[in-house]
């Protein structure tokens, strides 16, 4: 996440891979983290060193990870803790490695698809700024007037700088809004509940949240954990404020004796087809298998919806560039109309 203290996805993939391999080979957690403190990803080395020291002092992995919670996403923390309690750490880290590899691919695909439209946008901004600059330094016509004003901010070097500063301020405002939402408001649930209803963005966030939920619930169900605790951890593992905020309602329904499907319906966040599939799985006693299938399904959905989001963002950039061009052309047209009218007898 942008401007976050969390470990980058590439480091998480490497950490999960090493933990899966070395734990399966019989090494202890302390040995693995000691190795990572020396040879692991650079961003992870100081974290691994502190975790290794905590393990050496006899603390559990759960206690050690909680101290370093700011560096890990909720899915990693919750599943690692459950893996330690159930003795399934290699299996848990294998699933996490696959999940974070998917996240990395989705992010790279998004960047690859959005790069060219962004380049076009930047080029268009500088073309307009250059046009403003050039029109301001051209000699006036016979009436002593300067050339046309492309965007209504005046012409010349000062106006060009004013235009570029305005663009920079808009970008800074967007980044500030992003930080406000992600760091201050997002975890309140209200903002993410709203984003889930936004076209393109909402379906993508939902697919990612359901991928994490299904993955976490399957692994926790296999440990024999109570359904209330399993659902609580799984909702927290979605890393989505809307799902986390709905956890008390779902837990209360489960404690009251409701089936999992009925309890999940209390959240009003799960698609109807998803709850229908879970209901069928409960009746047939095939919940782990169905959750595994749903994890794979929503991984594919996340890819498809991320592609749609990327295309939407690309079109948004192109529309913005088109608006800049149209405004400039329109003002050129008005400028020449004025010139013609001024030359009429």
Protein backbone atom coordinates (compact mmCIF):
# COMPACT_ATOMS: atom_id res chain seq x y z
CA UNK A 1 0.00 0.00 0.00
CA UNK A 2 1.22 3.45 -0.93
CA UNK A 3 2.99 5.32 1.92
CA UNK A 4 2.52 2.31 4.22
CA UNK A 5 5.00 0.73 6.63
CA UNK A 6 3.90 -2.74 5.57
CA UNK A 7 6.39 -5.03 3.90
CA UNK A 8 6.23 -4.95 0.10
CA UNK A 9 4.45 -7.84 -1.60
CA UNK A 10 7.67 -9.17 -3.08
CA UNK A 11 9.15 -9.49 0.42
CA UNK A 12 6.02 -11.26 1.70
CA UNK A 13 6.23 -13.77 -1.14
CA UNK A 14 9.89 -14.49 -0.39
CA UNK A 15 9.23 -14.78 3.35
CA UNK A 16 6.33 -17.20 2.82
CA UNK A 17 8.38 -19.28 0.39
CA UNK A 18 11.35 -19.57 2.75
CA UNK A 19 9.16 -20.33 5.77
CA UNK A 20 7.22 -22.97 3.84
CA UNK A 21 10.35 -24.66 2.55
CA UNK A 22 12.44 -24.57 5.74
CA UNK A 23 9.63 -25.53 8.12
CA UNK A 24 8.73 -28.47 5.89
CA UNK A 25 12.40 -29.50 6.04
CA UNK A 26 12.25 -29.62 9.85
CA UNK A 27 13.96 -26.34 10.84
CA UNK A 28 12.61 -24.51 13.86
CA UNK A 29 10.91 -21.14 13.62
CA UNK A 30 13.78 -19.50 15.49
CA UNK A 31 16.34 -20.88 13.05
CA UNK A 32 14.32 -19.73 10.07
CA UNK A 33 13.92 -16.18 11.38
CA UNK A 34 17.61 -16.03 12.35
CA UNK A 35 18.48 -16.94 8.77
CA UNK A 36 16.10 -14.32 7.41
CA UNK A 37 17.67 -11.69 9.65
CA UNK A 38 20.94 -12.28 7.77
CA UNK A 39 19.90 -13.31 4.26
CA UNK A 40 16.25 -12.38 3.87
CA UNK A 41 14.77 -9.44 1.93
CA UNK A 42 16.34 -6.18 3.09
CA UNK A 43 13.03 -4.73 4.27
CA UNK A 44 12.36 -7.85 6.34
CA UNK A 45 15.77 -8.33 7.99
CA UNK A 46 15.30 -6.01 11.00
CA UNK A 47 11.78 -7.39 11.55
CA UNK A 48 13.07 -10.97 11.34
CA UNK A 49 15.85 -10.16 13.80
CA UNK A 50 13.38 -8.85 16.39
CA UNK A 51 11.04 -11.79 15.90
CA UNK A 52 13.98 -14.20 16.22
CA UNK A 53 15.01 -12.62 19.53
CA UNK A 54 11.44 -12.90 20.86
CA UNK A 55 11.31 -16.56 19.88
CA UNK A 56 14.68 -17.16 21.54
CA UNK A 57 13.28 -15.69 24.76
CA UNK A 58 10.49 -18.27 24.68
CA UNK A 59 7.70 -16.16 23.27
CA UNK A 60 5.23 -17.66 20.83
CA UNK A 61 5.10 -16.69 17.16
CA UNK A 62 1.73 -15.07 17.85
CA UNK A 63 3.18 -12.74 20.50
CA UNK A 64 6.21 -11.94 18.34
CA UNK A 65 4.10 -11.14 15.28
CA UNK A 66 1.69 -8.95 17.23
CA UNK A 67 4.61 -6.71 18.22
CA UNK A 68 5.43 -6.28 14.53
CA UNK A 69 1.81 -6.09 13.35
CA UNK A 70 2.36 -2.79 11.56
CA UNK A 71 4.59 -4.55 9.01
CA UNK A 72 2.18 -7.35 8.07
CA UNK A 73 -1.29 -7.42 6.47
CA UNK A 74 -4.11 -8.88 8.61
CA UNK A 75 -4.38 -12.01 6.45
CA UNK A 76 -0.75 -12.91 7.10
CA UNK A 77 -1.02 -12.27 10.83
CA UNK A 78 -4.25 -14.19 11.37
CA UNK A 79 -3.30 -17.21 9.30
CA UNK A 80 0.22 -17.41 10.74
CA UNK A 81 -1.23 -17.39 14.25
CA UNK A 82 -3.76 -20.10 13.36
CA UNK A 83 -1.05 -22.10 11.61
CA UNK A 84 1.07 -22.08 14.76
CA UNK A 85 -1.85 -23.15 16.94
CA UNK A 86 -2.85 -25.97 14.59
CA UNK A 87 0.62 -27.17 13.59
CA UNK A 88 -0.12 -26.33 9.93
CA UNK A 89 2.41 -23.54 9.40
CA UNK A 90 3.99 -25.00 6.20
CA UNK A 91 0.55 -25.42 4.63
CA UNK A 92 -0.51 -21.94 5.70
CA UNK A 93 2.60 -20.30 4.27
CA UNK A 94 2.17 -22.24 1.02
CA UNK A 95 -1.33 -20.79 0.62
CA UNK A 96 -0.13 -17.30 1.54
CA UNK A 97 2.70 -17.52 -0.98
CA UNK A 98 0.23 -18.32 -3.76
CA UNK A 99 -2.12 -15.55 -2.64
CA UNK A 100 0.54 -12.84 -2.52
CA UNK A 101 1.93 -13.98 -5.86
CA UNK A 102 -1.54 -13.36 -7.28
CA UNK A 103 -1.66 -9.91 -5.66
CA UNK A 104 1.72 -9.07 -7.15
CA UNK A 105 0.61 -10.14 -10.63
CA UNK A 106 -2.60 -8.10 -10.38
CA UNK A 107 -0.64 -5.02 -9.32
CA UNK A 108 1.90 -5.43 -12.11
CA UNK A 109 -0.84 -5.93 -14.70
CA UNK A 110 -2.58 -2.78 -13.47
CA UNK A 111 0.62 -0.72 -13.68
CA UNK A 112 1.45 -2.11 -17.13
CA UNK A 113 -1.99 -1.26 -18.50
CA UNK A 114 -2.24 2.20 -16.94
CA UNK A 115 1.31 3.38 -17.78
CA UNK A 116 0.68 4.45 -21.38
CA UNK A 117 -2.49 6.47 -20.63
CA UNK A 118 -0.63 8.21 -17.79
CA UNK A 119 2.26 9.02 -20.14
CA UNK A 120 -0.26 10.49 -22.56
CA UNK A 121 -1.80 12.56 -19.78
CA UNK A 122 1.58 13.95 -18.68
CA UNK A 123 2.50 14.70 -22.29
CA UNK A 124 -0.81 16.51 -22.82
CA UNK A 125 -0.26 18.62 -19.71
CA UNK A 126 3.18 19.72 -20.87
CA UNK A 127 1.92 20.37 -24.40
CA UNK A 128 -0.75 22.69 -23.01
CA UNK A 129 1.80 24.38 -20.73
CA UNK A 130 4.12 24.84 -23.72
CA UNK A 131 1.29 26.27 -25.77
CA UNK A 132 0.48 28.76 -23.01
CA UNK A 133 4.14 29.76 -22.84
CA UNK A 134 4.60 30.16 -26.61
CA UNK A 135 1.41 32.14 -27.15
CA UNK A 136 2.53 34.59 -24.51
CA UNK A 137 5.89 35.34 -26.12
CA UNK A 138 4.65 35.69 -29.71
CA UNK A 139 4.48 39.28 -30.99
CA UNK A 140 1.04 40.90 -30.93
CA UNK A 141 -1.04 41.39 -34.04
CA UNK A 142 -1.77 44.73 -35.64
CA UNK A 143 -4.27 45.54 -32.88
CA UNK A 144 -1.66 44.96 -30.21
CA UNK A 145 -3.29 41.76 -28.95
CA UNK A 146 -1.54 38.60 -27.94
CA UNK A 147 -2.41 35.13 -29.22
CA UNK A 148 -5.30 33.05 -27.96
CA UNK A 149 -5.55 31.82 -24.36
CA UNK A 150 -5.79 27.96 -24.50
CA UNK A 151 -7.21 27.29 -21.01
CA UNK A 152 -8.32 30.67 -19.73
CA UNK A 153 -5.37 31.21 -17.37
CA UNK A 154 -3.62 33.79 -19.51
CA UNK A 155 -0.51 33.34 -21.65
CA UNK A 156 3.22 33.63 -21.19
CA UNK A 157 5.78 32.13 -18.79
CA UNK A 158 3.89 33.13 -15.63
CA UNK A 159 0.63 31.63 -16.87
CA UNK A 160 2.41 28.40 -17.91
CA UNK A 161 3.94 28.10 -14.44
CA UNK A 162 0.54 28.86 -12.90
CA UNK A 163 -1.00 26.04 -14.96
CA UNK A 164 1.68 23.50 -13.95
CA UNK A 165 1.45 24.51 -10.29
CA UNK A 166 -2.32 24.04 -10.45
CA UNK A 167 -1.86 20.52 -11.85
CA UNK A 168 0.69 19.69 -9.13
CA UNK A 169 -1.71 20.98 -6.47
CA UNK A 170 -4.50 18.80 -7.85
CA UNK A 171 -2.22 15.74 -7.71
CA UNK A 172 -1.14 16.64 -4.16
CA UNK A 173 -4.78 17.03 -3.18
CA UNK A 174 -5.54 13.60 -4.60
CA UNK A 175 -2.66 12.03 -2.65
CA UNK A 176 -3.77 13.81 0.54
CA UNK A 177 -7.31 12.52 0.02
CA UNK A 178 -5.95 9.00 -0.52
CA UNK A 179 -3.94 9.17 2.71
CA UNK A 180 -6.92 10.54 4.62
CA UNK A 181 -9.14 7.74 3.42
CA UNK A 182 -6.68 4.88 3.85
CA UNK A 183 -5.12 5.96 7.15
CA UNK A 184 -7.95 7.73 8.97
CA UNK A 185 -11.31 6.72 7.53
CA UNK A 186 -10.93 3.38 5.76
CA UNK A 187 -10.85 1.24 8.87
CA UNK A 188 -14.10 2.75 10.12
CA UNK A 189 -15.98 0.59 7.65
CA UNK A 190 -18.25 3.36 6.35
CA UNK A 191 -15.89 4.44 3.59
CA UNK A 192 -15.22 0.92 2.35
CA UNK A 193 -18.93 0.08 2.54
CA UNK A 194 -19.47 3.05 0.21
CA UNK A 195 -16.60 1.98 -2.09
CA UNK A 196 -18.13 -1.49 -2.41
CA UNK A 197 -21.11 0.17 -4.14
CA UNK A 198 -19.00 2.20 -6.57
CA UNK A 199 -18.98 0.77 -10.13
CA UNK A 200 -15.71 -0.92 -11.16
CA UNK A 201 -14.05 -0.25 -7.78
CA UNK A 202 -16.66 -2.06 -5.67
CA UNK A 203 -16.68 -5.41 -7.54
CA UNK A 204 -12.87 -5.48 -7.48
CA UNK A 205 -12.70 -4.82 -3.71
CA UNK A 206 -15.40 -7.41 -3.09
CA UNK A 207 -13.57 -10.11 -5.08
CA UNK A 208 -10.33 -9.46 -3.20
CA UNK A 209 -12.12 -9.50 0.18
CA UNK A 210 -13.96 -12.75 -0.61
CA UNK A 211 -10.72 -14.37 -1.79
CA UNK A 212 -9.13 -13.61 1.58
CA UNK A 213 -12.26 -14.62 3.50
CA UNK A 214 -12.59 -18.00 1.78
CA UNK A 215 -8.89 -18.76 2.13
CA UNK A 216 -8.85 -17.87 5.82
CA UNK A 217 -12.11 -19.65 6.69
CA UNK A 218 -11.03 -22.86 4.95
CA UNK A 219 -7.71 -23.03 6.77
CA UNK A 220 -9.29 -22.15 10.11
CA UNK A 221 -12.12 -24.62 9.63
CA UNK A 222 -9.58 -27.39 9.08
CA UNK A 223 -7.97 -26.63 12.45
CA UNK A 224 -11.16 -27.46 14.33
CA UNK A 225 -11.55 -23.92 15.67
CA UNK A 226 -15.03 -22.88 16.77
CA UNK A 227 -17.10 -21.39 13.98
CA UNK A 228 -17.50 -18.09 15.85
CA UNK A 229 -13.75 -17.61 16.22
CA UNK A 230 -13.10 -18.83 12.69
CA UNK A 231 -15.52 -16.34 11.18
CA UNK A 232 -14.19 -13.50 13.33
CA UNK A 233 -10.61 -14.14 12.20
CA UNK A 234 -11.71 -14.62 8.59
CA UNK A 235 -13.62 -11.32 8.47
CA UNK A 236 -10.61 -9.59 9.99
CA UNK A 237 -8.39 -11.27 7.39
CA UNK A 238 -10.34 -9.62 4.55
CA UNK A 239 -8.44 -6.39 5.36
CA UNK A 240 -11.65 -4.58 4.42
CA UNK A 241 -13.20 -2.21 6.95
CA UNK A 242 -16.77 -2.95 5.85
CA UNK A 243 -16.40 -6.69 6.49
CA UNK A 244 -14.57 -6.14 9.77
CA UNK A 245 -17.30 -3.76 10.96
CA UNK A 246 -19.95 -6.40 10.20
CA UNK A 247 -18.21 -9.01 12.36
CA UNK A 248 -20.22 -8.37 15.59
CA UNK A 249 -23.55 -8.96 13.80
CA UNK A 250 -22.33 -12.20 12.26
CA UNK A 251 -20.86 -13.43 15.55
CA UNK A 252 -24.05 -12.65 17.45
CA UNK A 253 -26.08 -14.60 14.90
CA UNK A 254 -23.77 -17.60 15.20
CA UNK A 255 -23.94 -17.52 19.00
CA UNK A 256 -27.73 -17.41 18.74
CA UNK A 257 -27.61 -20.73 16.90
CA UNK A 258 -27.99 -19.55 13.29
CA UNK A 259 -26.36 -21.50 10.48
CA UNK A 260 -23.28 -19.99 8.85
CA UNK A 261 -25.25 -18.94 5.78
CA UNK A 262 -27.89 -17.09 7.81
CA UNK A 263 -25.22 -15.44 9.94
CA UNK A 264 -23.25 -14.23 6.90
CA UNK A 265 -26.45 -12.78 5.48
CA UNK A 266 -26.60 -10.44 8.48
CA UNK A 267 -23.56 -8.61 7.11
CA UNK A 268 -25.39 -7.71 3.86
CA UNK A 269 -22.03 -7.81 2.11
CA UNK A 270 -21.92 -11.31 0.64
CA UNK A 271 -23.42 -11.95 -2.81
CA UNK A 272 -26.56 -14.09 -2.85
CA UNK A 273 -24.92 -16.70 -5.06
CA UNK A 274 -22.07 -17.00 -2.56
CA UNK A 275 -24.38 -17.58 0.42
CA UNK A 276 -26.39 -20.11 -1.62
CA UNK A 277 -23.22 -22.07 -2.38
CA UNK A 278 -22.18 -21.96 1.28
CA UNK A 279 -25.65 -23.19 2.31
CA UNK A 280 -25.37 -26.16 -0.05
CA UNK A 281 -21.85 -26.90 1.23
CA UNK A 282 -23.07 -26.87 4.85
CA UNK A 283 -25.89 -29.27 4.09
CA UNK A 284 -23.56 -31.67 2.28
CA UNK A 285 -20.70 -31.40 4.79
CA UNK A 286 -18.35 -30.20 2.06
CA UNK A 287 -17.52 -26.73 3.40
CA UNK A 288 -13.68 -26.97 3.14
CA UNK A 289 -13.79 -28.24 -0.45
CA UNK A 290 -16.32 -25.62 -1.49
CA UNK A 291 -14.33 -22.84 0.21
CA UNK A 292 -11.24 -23.94 -1.70
CA UNK A 293 -13.21 -23.79 -4.94
CA UNK A 294 -14.61 -20.38 -4.04
CA UNK A 295 -11.10 -19.10 -3.27
CA UNK A 296 -9.99 -20.08 -6.77
CA UNK A 297 -13.17 -18.64 -8.29
CA UNK A 298 -12.76 -15.25 -6.63
CA UNK A 299 -9.08 -15.19 -7.54
CA UNK A 300 -10.18 -15.40 -11.17
CA UNK A 301 -12.89 -12.82 -10.52
CA UNK A 302 -10.30 -10.50 -8.97
CA UNK A 303 -8.19 -10.76 -12.12
CA UNK A 304 -11.17 -10.08 -14.37
CA UNK A 305 -12.51 -7.21 -12.28
CA UNK A 306 -9.07 -5.66 -11.87
CA UNK A 307 -8.74 -5.72 -15.66
CA UNK A 308 -12.11 -3.96 -15.95
CA UNK A 309 -11.02 -1.39 -13.36
CA UNK A 310 -7.78 -0.79 -15.26
CA UNK A 311 -9.65 -0.31 -18.52
CA UNK A 312 -12.01 2.11 -16.78
CA UNK A 313 -9.08 4.07 -15.35
CA UNK A 314 -7.43 4.14 -18.78
CA UNK A 315 -10.58 5.47 -20.39
CA UNK A 316 -10.83 8.06 -17.63
CA UNK A 317 -7.34 9.31 -18.43
CA UNK A 318 -8.08 9.40 -22.16
CA UNK A 319 -11.32 11.29 -21.54
CA UNK A 320 -9.42 13.86 -19.48
CA UNK A 321 -6.84 14.27 -22.25
CA UNK A 322 -9.65 14.59 -24.81
CA UNK A 323 -11.29 17.30 -22.71
CA UNK A 324 -8.03 19.27 -22.61
CA UNK A 325 -7.72 19.01 -26.40
CA UNK A 326 -11.36 19.92 -26.99
CA UNK A 327 -11.12 22.96 -24.72
CA UNK A 328 -7.99 24.13 -26.53
CA UNK A 329 -9.58 23.60 -29.97
CA UNK A 330 -12.75 25.39 -28.89
CA UNK A 331 -10.80 28.38 -27.61
CA UNK A 332 -8.74 28.47 -30.83
CA UNK A 333 -11.99 28.54 -32.78
CA UNK A 334 -13.32 31.41 -30.66
CA UNK A 335 -10.02 33.27 -31.03
CA UNK A 336 -10.15 33.13 -34.83
CA UNK A 337 -13.84 34.08 -34.84
CA UNK A 338 -12.92 37.16 -32.83
CA UNK A 339 -10.05 37.95 -35.23
CA UNK A 340 -12.37 37.70 -38.22
CA UNK A 341 -15.00 39.89 -36.55
CA UNK A 342 -12.39 42.47 -35.58
CA UNK A 343 -11.18 42.70 -39.22
CA UNK A 344 -14.63 43.19 -40.64
CA UNK A 345 -15.39 46.78 -41.79
